[in-house]
Amino acid sequence: MSWHEVGPDVFVRRYDELDLSVGLVLGGEFALVIDTRGDHAQGAELAAAVRRITALPWQVAITHGHFDHCFGTSAFLPAPVWAHERCPGFLASTADQQRAEWVAHYRREGSDDIADALARSAPDQPDRLVSDRADLDLGGRTVQLIHPGSGHTDHDLVIAVPDAGVVFAGDLVEQGAPPDFGDARPESWPAAVDGILALAPAVVVPGHGEPVGPEFVRAQRAELAAVAGLCRDHRLGRLSAEQALRRSPYPAETTRIALNRS
């Protein structure tokens, strides 16, 4: 685990746990932390790692309300916490279920330390809510908080650093594994990725995996468009589930979840 600079004063920190990637953007007056990891202990580790880079007061941006991206926020408070306006409702309705499912997951795999920390963690509600876009001045550097449309969830938020050509895409882009459709809007996901590409980034940081270039994003967008078409045709009765599974670019279980979300 170390910080990797992907643009001037723009950093990514990648973890073995869930192959999670989080971000840090430095301005002249503030630092912006992008996602806070999955529990209070992981959040504290990240906060200490940020402090080894900068002493600037921080703000937090949450890309979406899945536990691995935001249950560590308590370690950064008090601070402004930015998210899409639908994120608080998602957290209120799903946090307990997310915690129970993943505590059980970590118990099964023998990771009792993570399970114990997660069992004692709860998400802190964002207090700076974005509808479509907000510009955040970090002091001599402006970052853009943008909702490009529903995709991985109905409240995805991407963070663009225009002067560095970097976009933090959250789980709208996945590297190293198929996208997760558990809370997705499969038929609108390709358009959300179009919104990322429209920012003309040189580097895109996925929520999981290593930073990628626009060619990777375009290729994944084509796969997502194929799945979106299969979901639409299945919803309209033009394709059976079995036919859709055979035609999908993704594994059967991933595609089955996408079909069930349409």
C-alpha atoms as a PDB file:
ATOM      1  CA  MET A   1       0.000   0.000   0.000  1.00  0.00           C
ATOM      2  CA  SER A   2       1.473   3.300  -1.061  1.00  0.00           C
ATOM      3  CA  TRP A   3       0.424   6.533  -2.707  1.00  0.00           C
ATOM      4  CA  HIS A   4       0.878   6.726  -6.473  1.00  0.00           C
ATOM      5  CA  GLU A   5       0.853  10.163  -8.087  1.00  0.00           C
ATOM      6  CA  VAL A   6      -1.259  10.057 -11.260  1.00  0.00           C
ATOM      7  CA  GLY A   7      -1.196  13.812 -11.874  1.00  0.00           C
ATOM      8  CA  PRO A   8       0.323  16.871 -10.208  1.00  0.00           C
ATOM      9  CA  ASP A   9      -0.686  16.565  -6.525  1.00  0.00           C
ATOM     10  CA  VAL A  10      -3.296  13.936  -7.426  1.00  0.00           C
ATOM     11  CA  PHE A  11      -2.762  10.603  -5.684  1.00  0.00           C
ATOM     12  CA  VAL A  12      -4.231   7.099  -5.693  1.00  0.00           C
ATOM     13  CA  ARG A  13      -3.885   4.575  -2.884  1.00  0.00           C
ATOM     14  CA  ARG A  14      -4.730   0.985  -3.774  1.00  0.00           C
ATOM     15  CA  TYR A  15      -5.527  -1.763  -1.280  1.00  0.00           C
ATOM     16  CA  ASP A  16      -5.380  -5.545  -1.540  1.00  0.00           C
ATOM     17  CA  GLU A  17      -8.678  -5.709   0.341  1.00  0.00           C
ATOM     18  CA  LEU A  18     -11.318  -5.770  -2.424  1.00  0.00           C
ATOM     19  CA  ASP A  19      -8.690  -4.222  -4.739  1.00  0.00           C
ATOM     20  CA  LEU A  20     -10.072  -0.856  -3.633  1.00  0.00           C
ATOM     21  CA  SER A  21      -8.621   2.405  -4.965  1.00  0.00           C
ATOM     22  CA  VAL A  22      -9.105   5.692  -3.092  1.00  0.00           C
ATOM     23  CA  GLY A  23      -7.943   9.177  -3.986  1.00  0.00           C
ATOM     24  CA  LEU A  24      -6.392  12.361  -2.671  1.00  0.00           C
ATOM     25  CA  VAL A  25      -6.307  15.749  -4.426  1.00  0.00           C
ATOM     26  CA  LEU A  26      -4.308  18.642  -3.005  1.00  0.00           C
ATOM     27  CA  GLY A  27      -5.076  22.302  -3.507  1.00  0.00           C
ATOM     28  CA  GLY A  28      -3.549  25.397  -1.993  1.00  0.00           C
ATOM     29  CA  GLU A  29      -5.948  25.482   0.968  1.00  0.00           C
ATOM     30  CA  PHE A  30      -7.701  22.110   1.200  1.00  0.00           C
ATOM     31  CA  ALA A  31      -7.188  18.446   0.472  1.00  0.00           C
ATOM     32  CA  LEU A  32      -9.992  16.331  -0.971  1.00  0.00           C
ATOM     33  CA  VAL A  33     -10.159  12.686   0.122  1.00  0.00           C
ATOM     34  CA  ILE A  34     -12.090  10.508  -2.326  1.00  0.00           C
ATOM     35  CA  ASP A  35     -13.757   7.556  -0.570  1.00  0.00           C
ATOM     36  CA  THR A  36     -12.889   6.467   2.971  1.00  0.00           C
ATOM     37  CA  ARG A  37     -12.660   2.629   2.936  1.00  0.00           C
ATOM     38  CA  GLY A  38     -14.942   0.102   4.604  1.00  0.00           C
ATOM     39  CA  ASP A  39     -14.909   0.483   8.390  1.00  0.00           C
ATOM     40  CA  HIS A  40     -13.719   2.771  11.174  1.00  0.00           C
ATOM     41  CA  ALA A  41     -10.324   1.047  11.467  1.00  0.00           C
ATOM     42  CA  GLN A  42      -9.682   1.172   7.724  1.00  0.00           C
ATOM     43  CA  GLY A  43     -10.758   4.807   7.707  1.00  0.00           C
ATOM     44  CA  ALA A  44      -8.297   5.596  10.495  1.00  0.00           C
ATOM     45  CA  GLU A  45      -5.490   3.915   8.533  1.00  0.00           C
ATOM     46  CA  LEU A  46      -6.348   6.011   5.482  1.00  0.00           C
ATOM     47  CA  ALA A  47      -6.550   9.227   7.520  1.00  0.00           C
ATOM     48  CA  ALA A  48      -3.071   8.566   8.919  1.00  0.00           C
ATOM     49  CA  ALA A  49      -1.788   7.876   5.391  1.00  0.00           C
ATOM     50  CA  VAL A  50      -3.244  11.170   4.175  1.00  0.00           C
ATOM     51  CA  ARG A  51      -1.530  12.991   7.027  1.00  0.00           C
ATOM     52  CA  ARG A  52       1.810  11.600   5.881  1.00  0.00           C
ATOM     53  CA  ILE A  53       1.212  13.426   2.585  1.00  0.00           C
ATOM     54  CA  THR A  54      -0.336  16.703   3.754  1.00  0.00           C
ATOM     55  CA  ALA A  55      -1.344  18.705   6.814  1.00  0.00           C
ATOM     56  CA  LEU A  56      -4.025  20.602   4.856  1.00  0.00           C
ATOM     57  CA  PRO A  57      -7.569  20.588   6.240  1.00  0.00           C
ATOM     58  CA  TRP A  58      -9.540  17.982   4.351  1.00  0.00           C
ATOM     59  CA  GLN A  59     -12.902  17.541   2.752  1.00  0.00           C
ATOM     60  CA  VAL A  60     -14.367  14.191   1.693  1.00  0.00           C
ATOM     61  CA  ALA A  61     -16.152  13.084  -1.478  1.00  0.00           C
ATOM     62  CA  ILE A  62     -18.051   9.777  -1.546  1.00  0.00           C
ATOM     63  CA  THR A  63     -18.473   8.192  -4.972  1.00  0.00           C
ATOM     64  CA  HIS A  64     -21.443   6.049  -3.852  1.00  0.00           C
ATOM     65  CA  GLY A  65     -22.960   4.421  -0.799  1.00  0.00           C
ATOM     66  CA  HIS A  66     -21.462   0.931  -0.817  1.00  0.00           C
ATOM     67  CA  PHE A  67     -19.797   0.128   2.488  1.00  0.00           C
ATOM     68  CA  ASP A  68     -16.276  -0.341   1.128  1.00  0.00           C
ATOM     69  CA  HIS A  69     -16.274   3.256  -0.128  1.00  0.00           C
ATOM     70  CA  CYS A  70     -17.767   5.114   2.814  1.00  0.00           C
ATOM     71  CA  PHE A  71     -18.065   3.269   6.147  1.00  0.00           C
ATOM     72  CA  GLY A  72     -14.679   4.724   7.164  1.00  0.00           C
ATOM     73  CA  THR A  73     -15.815   8.351   7.031  1.00  0.00           C
ATOM     74  CA  SER A  74     -15.916   8.826  10.816  1.00  0.00           C
ATOM     75  CA  ALA A  75     -12.101   8.998  10.859  1.00  0.00           C
ATOM     76  CA  PHE A  76     -12.244  12.270   8.875  1.00  0.00           C
ATOM     77  CA  LEU A  77     -14.880  14.117  10.889  1.00  0.00           C
ATOM     78  CA  PRO A  78     -15.516  16.915  11.461  1.00  0.00           C
ATOM     79  CA  ALA A  79     -15.244  17.783   7.792  1.00  0.00           C
ATOM     80  CA  PRO A  80     -17.560  18.544   4.880  1.00  0.00           C
ATOM     81  CA  VAL A  81     -18.665  15.277   3.251  1.00  0.00           C
ATOM     82  CA  TRP A  82     -19.841  15.508  -0.364  1.00  0.00           C
ATOM     83  CA  ALA A  83     -22.070  12.959  -2.119  1.00  0.00           C
ATOM     84  CA  HIS A  84     -24.940  12.769  -4.576  1.00  0.00           C
ATOM     85  CA  GLU A  85     -28.283  13.838  -3.157  1.00  0.00           C
ATOM     86  CA  ARG A  86     -29.669  10.278  -3.305  1.00  0.00           C
ATOM     87  CA  CYS A  87     -26.756   8.823  -1.337  1.00  0.00           C
ATOM     88  CA  PRO A  88     -28.163   9.572   2.155  1.00  0.00           C
ATOM     89  CA  GLY A  89     -31.411   7.752   1.389  1.00  0.00           C
ATOM     90  CA  PHE A  90     -29.516   4.777   0.006  1.00  0.00           C
ATOM     91  CA  LEU A  91     -27.383   4.584   3.135  1.00  0.00           C
ATOM     92  CA  ALA A  92     -30.391   4.916   5.423  1.00  0.00           C
ATOM     93  CA  SER A  93     -32.192   2.044   3.709  1.00  0.00           C
ATOM     94  CA  THR A  94     -29.289  -0.344   3.055  1.00  0.00           C
ATOM     95  CA  ALA A  95     -26.531   0.202   5.650  1.00  0.00           C
ATOM     96  CA  ASP A  96     -27.752  -2.441   8.084  1.00  0.00           C
ATOM     97  CA  GLN A  97     -28.151  -5.038   5.343  1.00  0.00           C
ATOM     98  CA  GLN A  98     -24.757  -4.217   3.839  1.00  0.00           C
ATOM     99  CA  ARG A  99     -23.103  -4.547   7.238  1.00  0.00           C
ATOM    100  CA  ALA A 100     -24.777  -7.862   8.043  1.00  0.00           C
ATOM    101  CA  GLU A 101     -23.959  -9.401   4.660  1.00  0.00           C
ATOM    102  CA  TRP A 102     -20.318  -8.378   4.708  1.00  0.00           C
ATOM    103  CA  VAL A 103     -19.692  -9.203   8.359  1.00  0.00           C
ATOM    104  CA  ALA A 104     -20.932 -12.706   7.518  1.00  0.00           C
ATOM    105  CA  HIS A 105     -18.690 -12.759   4.433  1.00  0.00           C
ATOM    106  CA  TYR A 106     -15.584 -11.845   6.425  1.00  0.00           C
ATOM    107  CA  ARG A 107     -16.433 -14.376   9.139  1.00  0.00           C
ATOM    108  CA  ARG A 108     -16.710 -17.126   6.508  1.00  0.00           C
ATOM    109  CA  GLU A 109     -13.295 -16.314   5.084  1.00  0.00           C
ATOM    110  CA  GLY A 110     -11.688 -16.106   8.525  1.00  0.00           C
ATOM    111  CA  SER A 111     -11.087 -12.335   8.514  1.00  0.00           C
ATOM    112  CA  ASP A 112     -12.486 -11.804  11.999  1.00  0.00           C
ATOM    113  CA  ASP A 113     -10.566  -8.567  12.544  1.00  0.00           C
ATOM    114  CA  ILE A 114     -12.286  -6.939   9.564  1.00  0.00           C
ATOM    115  CA  ALA A 115     -15.644  -8.444  10.562  1.00  0.00           C
ATOM    116  CA  ASP A 116     -15.313  -7.074  14.104  1.00  0.00           C
ATOM    117  CA  ALA A 117     -14.388  -3.592  12.871  1.00  0.00           C
ATOM    118  CA  LEU A 118     -17.225  -3.525  10.343  1.00  0.00           C
ATOM    119  CA  ALA A 119     -19.730  -4.705  12.958  1.00  0.00           C
ATOM    120  CA  ARG A 120     -18.853  -1.590  14.979  1.00  0.00           C
ATOM    121  CA  SER A 121     -18.965   0.797  12.013  1.00  0.00           C
ATOM    122  CA  ALA A 122     -21.779   2.869  10.583  1.00  0.00           C
ATOM    123  CA  PRO A 123     -21.827   5.331   7.703  1.00  0.00           C
ATOM    124  CA  ASP A 124     -21.879   9.025   8.511  1.00  0.00           C
ATOM    125  CA  GLN A 125     -24.424  10.876   6.433  1.00  0.00           C
ATOM    126  CA  PRO A 126     -23.016  13.282   3.821  1.00  0.00           C
ATOM    127  CA  ASP A 127     -23.823  16.922   4.523  1.00  0.00           C
ATOM    128  CA  ARG A 128     -22.898  18.499   1.174  1.00  0.00           C
ATOM    129  CA  LEU A 129     -25.269  17.136  -1.458  1.00  0.00           C
ATOM    130  CA  VAL A 130     -24.849  17.343  -5.218  1.00  0.00           C
ATOM    131  CA  SER A 131     -27.712  17.141  -7.703  1.00  0.00           C
ATOM    132  CA  ASP A 132     -25.989  17.282 -11.082  1.00  0.00           C
ATOM    133  CA  ARG A 133     -22.702  19.110 -10.523  1.00  0.00           C
ATOM    134  CA  ALA A 134     -20.790  21.146  -7.969  1.00  0.00           C
ATOM    135  CA  ASP A 135     -17.459  22.927  -8.359  1.00  0.00           C
ATOM    136  CA  LEU A 136     -15.255  22.695  -5.288  1.00  0.00           C
ATOM    137  CA  ASP A 137     -12.438  25.230  -4.817  1.00  0.00           C
ATOM    138  CA  LEU A 138      -9.492  23.654  -3.007  1.00  0.00           C
ATOM    139  CA  GLY A 139      -7.490  26.880  -3.229  1.00  0.00           C
ATOM    140  CA  GLY A 140      -6.066  27.642  -6.653  1.00  0.00           C
ATOM    141  CA  ARG A 141      -7.494  24.354  -7.979  1.00  0.00           C
ATOM    142  CA  THR A 142     -11.103  23.532  -8.756  1.00  0.00           C
ATOM    143  CA  VAL A 143     -12.419  19.989  -8.826  1.00  0.00           C
ATOM    144  CA  GLN A 144     -15.762  19.057 -10.342  1.00  0.00           C
ATOM    145  CA  LEU A 145     -18.199  16.738  -8.569  1.00  0.00           C
ATOM    146  CA  ILE A 146     -20.451  15.348 -11.289  1.00  0.00           C
ATOM    147  CA  HIS A 147     -23.395  12.955 -11.393  1.00  0.00           C
ATOM    148  CA  PRO A 148     -23.138  11.581 -14.955  1.00  0.00           C
ATOM    149  CA  GLY A 149     -26.337   9.561 -14.621  1.00  0.00           C
ATOM    150  CA  SER A 150     -27.300   6.300 -13.003  1.00  0.00           C
ATOM    151  CA  GLY A 151     -25.135   3.267 -13.631  1.00  0.00           C
ATOM    152  CA  HIS A 152     -23.462   1.257 -10.890  1.00  0.00           C
ATOM    153  CA  THR A 153     -26.054   2.859  -8.564  1.00  0.00           C
ATOM    154  CA  ASP A 154     -28.638   5.613  -8.915  1.00  0.00           C
ATOM    155  CA  HIS A 155     -26.340   8.055  -7.083  1.00  0.00           C
ATOM    156  CA  ASP A 156     -22.883   7.701  -8.638  1.00  0.00           C
ATOM    157  CA  LEU A 157     -20.608  10.716  -8.268  1.00  0.00           C
ATOM    158  CA  VAL A 158     -17.399  11.176 -10.250  1.00  0.00           C
ATOM    159  CA  ILE A 159     -14.655  13.606  -9.288  1.00  0.00           C
ATOM    160  CA  ALA A 160     -12.838  15.371 -12.122  1.00  0.00           C
ATOM    161  CA  VAL A 161      -9.545  17.222 -11.699  1.00  0.00           C
ATOM    162  CA  PRO A 162      -9.450  19.147 -14.989  1.00  0.00           C
ATOM    163  CA  ASP A 163      -6.017  20.708 -14.603  1.00  0.00           C
ATOM    164  CA  ALA A 164      -4.494  17.222 -14.155  1.00  0.00           C
ATOM    165  CA  GLY A 165      -6.635  15.329 -16.678  1.00  0.00           C
ATOM    166  CA  VAL A 166      -7.719  12.850 -13.986  1.00  0.00           C
ATOM    167  CA  VAL A 167     -11.204  11.522 -13.247  1.00  0.00           C
ATOM    168  CA  PHE A 168     -12.083   9.379 -10.237  1.00  0.00           C
ATOM    169  CA  ALA A 169     -14.908   7.219 -11.591  1.00  0.00           C
ATOM    170  CA  GLY A 170     -15.948   5.205  -8.555  1.00  0.00           C
ATOM    171  CA  ASP A 171     -17.425   1.858  -9.541  1.00  0.00           C
ATOM    172  CA  LEU A 172     -18.770   3.160 -12.840  1.00  0.00           C
ATOM    173  CA  VAL A 173     -15.451   1.800 -14.131  1.00  0.00           C
ATOM    174  CA  GLU A 174     -13.921  -1.476 -12.910  1.00  0.00           C
ATOM    175  CA  GLN A 175     -10.460  -2.795 -13.687  1.00  0.00           C
ATOM    176  CA  GLY A 176      -9.522  -6.404 -12.986  1.00  0.00           C
ATOM    177  CA  ALA A 177     -13.038  -7.779 -12.484  1.00  0.00           C
ATOM    178  CA  PRO A 178     -16.470  -7.519 -14.125  1.00  0.00           C
ATOM    179  CA  PRO A 179     -18.663  -4.609 -13.054  1.00  0.00           C
ATOM    180  CA  ASP A 180     -20.985  -5.152 -10.101  1.00  0.00           C
ATOM    181  CA  PHE A 181     -24.680  -4.949 -11.037  1.00  0.00           C
ATOM    182  CA  GLY A 182     -26.143  -5.587  -7.571  1.00  0.00           C
ATOM    183  CA  ASP A 183     -27.640  -2.075  -7.241  1.00  0.00           C
ATOM    184  CA  ALA A 184     -27.172  -1.075 -10.863  1.00  0.00           C
ATOM    185  CA  ARG A 185     -29.237   0.586 -13.549  1.00  0.00           C
ATOM    186  CA  PRO A 186     -27.859  -1.541 -16.409  1.00  0.00           C
ATOM    187  CA  GLU A 187     -29.684   0.132 -19.266  1.00  0.00           C
ATOM    188  CA  SER A 188     -28.474   3.634 -18.350  1.00  0.00           C
ATOM    189  CA  TRP A 189     -24.927   2.667 -17.319  1.00  0.00           C
ATOM    190  CA  PRO A 190     -23.373   3.171 -20.804  1.00  0.00           C
ATOM    191  CA  ALA A 191     -24.646   6.758 -20.919  1.00  0.00           C
ATOM    192  CA  ALA A 192     -23.082   7.434 -17.516  1.00  0.00           C
ATOM    193  CA  VAL A 193     -19.734   6.212 -18.855  1.00  0.00           C
ATOM    194  CA  ASP A 194     -20.235   8.503 -21.849  1.00  0.00           C
ATOM    195  CA  GLY A 195     -20.371  11.317 -19.319  1.00  0.00           C
ATOM    196  CA  ILE A 196     -16.959  10.308 -18.006  1.00  0.00           C
ATOM    197  CA  LEU A 197     -15.471  10.124 -21.497  1.00  0.00           C
ATOM    198  CA  ALA A 198     -16.923  13.534 -22.322  1.00  0.00           C
ATOM    199  CA  LEU A 199     -14.579  14.986 -19.693  1.00  0.00           C
ATOM    200  CA  ALA A 200     -11.660  13.930 -21.943  1.00  0.00           C
ATOM    201  CA  PRO A 201      -9.572  12.436 -19.136  1.00  0.00           C
ATOM    202  CA  ALA A 202      -6.026  11.221 -19.654  1.00  0.00           C
ATOM    203  CA  VAL A 203      -6.306   9.013 -16.557  1.00  0.00           C
ATOM    204  CA  VAL A 204      -9.399   7.375 -15.084  1.00  0.00           C
ATOM    205  CA  VAL A 205      -9.203   5.934 -11.580  1.00  0.00           C
ATOM    206  CA  PRO A 206     -11.693   3.085 -11.117  1.00  0.00           C
ATOM    207  CA  GLY A 207     -13.228   2.277  -7.764  1.00  0.00           C
ATOM    208  CA  HIS A 208     -11.413  -1.061  -7.867  1.00  0.00           C
ATOM    209  CA  GLY A 209      -8.214  -1.813  -9.748  1.00  0.00           C
ATOM    210  CA  GLU A 210      -5.437   0.259 -11.205  1.00  0.00           C
ATOM    211  CA  PRO A 211      -5.736   3.567 -13.077  1.00  0.00           C
ATOM    212  CA  VAL A 212      -6.578   3.216 -16.758  1.00  0.00           C
ATOM    213  CA  GLY A 213      -6.675   5.295 -19.911  1.00  0.00           C
ATOM    214  CA  PRO A 214      -9.646   6.310 -22.047  1.00  0.00           C
ATOM    215  CA  GLU A 215      -9.208   3.339 -24.406  1.00  0.00           C
ATOM    216  CA  PHE A 216      -9.894   0.948 -21.533  1.00  0.00           C
ATOM    217  CA  VAL A 217     -12.964   2.965 -20.567  1.00  0.00           C
ATOM    218  CA  ARG A 218     -14.274   2.927 -24.128  1.00  0.00           C
ATOM    219  CA  ALA A 219     -13.813  -0.835 -24.309  1.00  0.00           C
ATOM    220  CA  GLN A 220     -15.672  -1.349 -21.045  1.00  0.00           C
ATOM    221  CA  ARG A 221     -18.383   1.017 -22.222  1.00  0.00           C
ATOM    222  CA  ALA A 222     -18.892  -1.245 -25.273  1.00  0.00           C
ATOM    223  CA  GLU A 223     -19.278  -4.259 -22.977  1.00  0.00           C
ATOM    224  CA  LEU A 224     -21.755  -2.394 -20.794  1.00  0.00           C
ATOM    225  CA  ALA A 225     -23.712  -1.352 -23.890  1.00  0.00           C
ATOM    226  CA  ALA A 226     -23.898  -4.996 -24.961  1.00  0.00           C
ATOM    227  CA  VAL A 227     -25.259  -5.973 -21.549  1.00  0.00           C
ATOM    228  CA  ALA A 228     -27.692  -3.047 -21.607  1.00  0.00           C
ATOM    229  CA  GLY A 229     -29.028  -4.266 -24.951  1.00  0.00           C
ATOM    230  CA  LEU A 230     -29.432  -7.794 -23.616  1.00  0.00           C
ATOM    231  CA  CYS A 231     -31.256  -6.477 -20.559  1.00  0.00           C
ATOM    232  CA  ARG A 232     -33.600  -4.416 -22.718  1.00  0.00           C
ATOM    233  CA  ASP A 233     -34.346  -7.290 -25.069  1.00  0.00           C
ATOM    234  CA  HIS A 234     -34.938  -9.651 -22.173  1.00  0.00           C
ATOM    235  CA  ARG A 235     -37.231  -7.131 -20.454  1.00  0.00           C
ATOM    236  CA  LEU A 236     -39.239  -6.750 -23.668  1.00  0.00           C
ATOM    237  CA  GLY A 237     -39.484 -10.510 -24.154  1.00  0.00           C
ATOM    238  CA  ARG A 238     -37.251 -10.626 -27.214  1.00  0.00           C
ATOM    239  CA  LEU A 239     -34.623 -12.827 -25.567  1.00  0.00           C
ATOM    240  CA  SER A 240     -34.803 -15.593 -23.020  1.00  0.00           C
ATOM    241  CA  ALA A 241     -32.494 -15.435 -20.044  1.00  0.00           C
ATOM    242  CA  GLU A 242     -30.536 -18.362 -21.463  1.00  0.00           C
ATOM    243  CA  GLN A 243     -30.025 -16.570 -24.782  1.00  0.00           C
ATOM    244  CA  ALA A 244     -28.894 -13.405 -22.994  1.00  0.00           C
ATOM    245  CA  LEU A 245     -26.417 -15.349 -20.864  1.00  0.00           C
ATOM    246  CA  ARG A 246     -24.864 -16.952 -23.931  1.00  0.00           C
ATOM    247  CA  ARG A 247     -24.423 -13.596 -25.680  1.00  0.00           C
ATOM    248  CA  SER A 248     -23.054 -11.623 -22.726  1.00  0.00           C
ATOM    249  CA  PRO A 249     -19.424 -10.470 -22.518  1.00  0.00           C
ATOM    250  CA  TYR A 250     -19.544 -11.119 -18.763  1.00  0.00           C
ATOM    251  CA  PRO A 251     -19.786 -14.297 -16.643  1.00  0.00           C
ATOM    252  CA  ALA A 252     -23.194 -15.893 -16.277  1.00  0.00           C
ATOM    253  CA  GLU A 253     -23.763 -14.867 -12.651  1.00  0.00           C
ATOM    254  CA  THR A 254     -22.825 -11.244 -13.373  1.00  0.00           C
ATOM    255  CA  THR A 255     -25.211 -11.166 -16.332  1.00  0.00           C
ATOM    256  CA  ARG A 256     -27.986 -12.862 -14.387  1.00  0.00           C
ATOM    257  CA  ILE A 257     -27.820 -10.111 -11.760  1.00  0.00           C
ATOM    258  CA  ALA A 258     -27.942  -7.458 -14.501  1.00  0.00           C
ATOM    259  CA  LEU A 259     -31.020  -9.061 -16.047  1.00  0.00           C
ATOM    260  CA  ASN A 260     -32.730  -9.065 -12.677  1.00  0.00           C
ATOM    261  CA  ARG A 261     -32.018  -5.343 -12.267  1.00  0.00           C
ATOM    262  CA  SER A 262     -33.756  -4.351 -15.536  1.00  0.00           C
END
